[in-house]
Amino acid sequence: MFGDNDTPEDKRERLRQNELKYRSSSIQGSNLSDLVGGLGWKGTGIMILVLLLAVVIYSVFFH
């Protein structure tokens, strides 16, 4: 049905679609793994840095 020449992105998307059909862990079907999978490693790193920077700024101004 599916060829062996699928890219890793195709395999991930097929697995994600299959999980959405039979979702057991999430009511809405979106979770952290979907977010991180969509962003990639650079986007995830930037998101973590922004969150850390926000915590530092918050602690400086409101402590």
C-alpha atoms as a PDB file:
ATOM      1  CA  MET A   1       0.000   0.000   0.000  1.00  0.00           C
ATOM      2  CA  PHE A   2       2.751   2.458   0.953  1.00  0.00           C
ATOM      3  CA  GLY A   3       6.124   2.360  -0.735  1.00  0.00           C
ATOM      4  CA  ASP A   4       9.426   1.819   0.988  1.00  0.00           C
ATOM      5  CA  ASN A   5      10.608   5.121  -0.480  1.00  0.00           C
ATOM      6  CA  ASP A   6       8.516   7.220   1.907  1.00  0.00           C
ATOM      7  CA  THR A   7      10.348  10.099   3.499  1.00  0.00           C
ATOM      8  CA  PRO A   8      10.479  10.260   7.297  1.00  0.00           C
ATOM      9  CA  GLU A   9       8.084  13.213   7.149  1.00  0.00           C
ATOM     10  CA  ASP A  10       5.562  11.112   5.211  1.00  0.00           C
ATOM     11  CA  LYS A  11       5.842   8.308   7.747  1.00  0.00           C
ATOM     12  CA  ARG A  12       5.402  10.731  10.652  1.00  0.00           C
ATOM     13  CA  GLU A  13       2.385  12.340   9.029  1.00  0.00           C
ATOM     14  CA  ARG A  14       0.797   8.944   8.327  1.00  0.00           C
ATOM     15  CA  LEU A  15       1.351   7.881  11.949  1.00  0.00           C
ATOM     16  CA  ARG A  16      -0.036  11.191  13.220  1.00  0.00           C
ATOM     17  CA  GLN A  17      -3.150  10.851  11.072  1.00  0.00           C
ATOM     18  CA  ASN A  18      -3.582   7.291  12.322  1.00  0.00           C
ATOM     19  CA  GLU A  19      -3.272   8.455  15.941  1.00  0.00           C
ATOM     20  CA  LEU A  20      -5.850  11.158  15.340  1.00  0.00           C
ATOM     21  CA  LYS A  21      -8.289   8.502  14.187  1.00  0.00           C
ATOM     22  CA  TYR A  22      -7.818   6.516  17.397  1.00  0.00           C
ATOM     23  CA  ARG A  23      -6.962   9.252  19.871  1.00  0.00           C
ATOM     24  CA  SER A  24      -6.777   8.008  23.414  1.00  0.00           C
ATOM     25  CA  SER A  25      -4.589  10.536  25.198  1.00  0.00           C
ATOM     26  CA  SER A  26      -6.155  13.779  24.058  1.00  0.00           C
ATOM     27  CA  ILE A  27      -9.703  14.963  23.645  1.00  0.00           C
ATOM     28  CA  GLN A  28      -8.902  17.549  20.972  1.00  0.00           C
ATOM     29  CA  GLY A  29      -6.203  15.565  19.199  1.00  0.00           C
ATOM     30  CA  SER A  30      -3.474  18.166  19.648  1.00  0.00           C
ATOM     31  CA  ASN A  31      -0.681  17.763  22.130  1.00  0.00           C
ATOM     32  CA  LEU A  32       2.920  18.767  22.717  1.00  0.00           C
ATOM     33  CA  SER A  33       4.322  16.169  20.362  1.00  0.00           C
ATOM     34  CA  ASP A  34       2.269  17.599  17.486  1.00  0.00           C
ATOM     35  CA  LEU A  35       3.561  21.075  18.274  1.00  0.00           C
ATOM     36  CA  VAL A  36       7.180  19.989  18.493  1.00  0.00           C
ATOM     37  CA  GLY A  37       6.884  17.801  15.406  1.00  0.00           C
ATOM     38  CA  GLY A  38       5.526  20.708  13.424  1.00  0.00           C
ATOM     39  CA  LEU A  39       8.152  23.177  14.566  1.00  0.00           C
ATOM     40  CA  GLY A  40      11.238  21.056  14.095  1.00  0.00           C
ATOM     41  CA  TRP A  41      14.317  21.195  16.276  1.00  0.00           C
ATOM     42  CA  LYS A  42      15.177  24.836  15.551  1.00  0.00           C
ATOM     43  CA  GLY A  43      11.688  26.077  16.281  1.00  0.00           C
ATOM     44  CA  THR A  44      11.528  24.018  19.464  1.00  0.00           C
ATOM     45  CA  GLY A  45      14.867  25.444  20.635  1.00  0.00           C
ATOM     46  CA  ILE A  46      13.708  28.993  19.955  1.00  0.00           C
ATOM     47  CA  MET A  47      10.451  28.328  21.809  1.00  0.00           C
ATOM     48  CA  ILE A  48      12.365  27.019  24.849  1.00  0.00           C
ATOM     49  CA  LEU A  49      14.699  30.033  24.815  1.00  0.00           C
ATOM     50  CA  VAL A  50      11.769  32.449  24.620  1.00  0.00           C
ATOM     51  CA  LEU A  51      10.058  30.715  27.543  1.00  0.00           C
ATOM     52  CA  LEU A  52      13.237  30.833  29.632  1.00  0.00           C
ATOM     53  CA  LEU A  53      13.741  34.505  28.785  1.00  0.00           C
ATOM     54  CA  ALA A  54      10.140  35.244  29.773  1.00  0.00           C
ATOM     55  CA  VAL A  55      10.643  33.532  33.146  1.00  0.00           C
ATOM     56  CA  VAL A  56      13.843  35.522  33.812  1.00  0.00           C
ATOM     57  CA  ILE A  57      12.191  38.830  32.887  1.00  0.00           C
ATOM     58  CA  TYR A  58       9.187  37.992  35.035  1.00  0.00           C
ATOM     59  CA  SER A  59      11.358  37.132  38.024  1.00  0.00           C
ATOM     60  CA  VAL A  60      13.397  40.339  37.667  1.00  0.00           C
ATOM     61  CA  PHE A  61      10.423  42.693  37.446  1.00  0.00           C
ATOM     62  CA  PHE A  62       7.935  40.990  39.764  1.00  0.00           C
ATOM     63  CA  HIS A  63      10.114  39.612  42.511  1.00  0.00           C
END
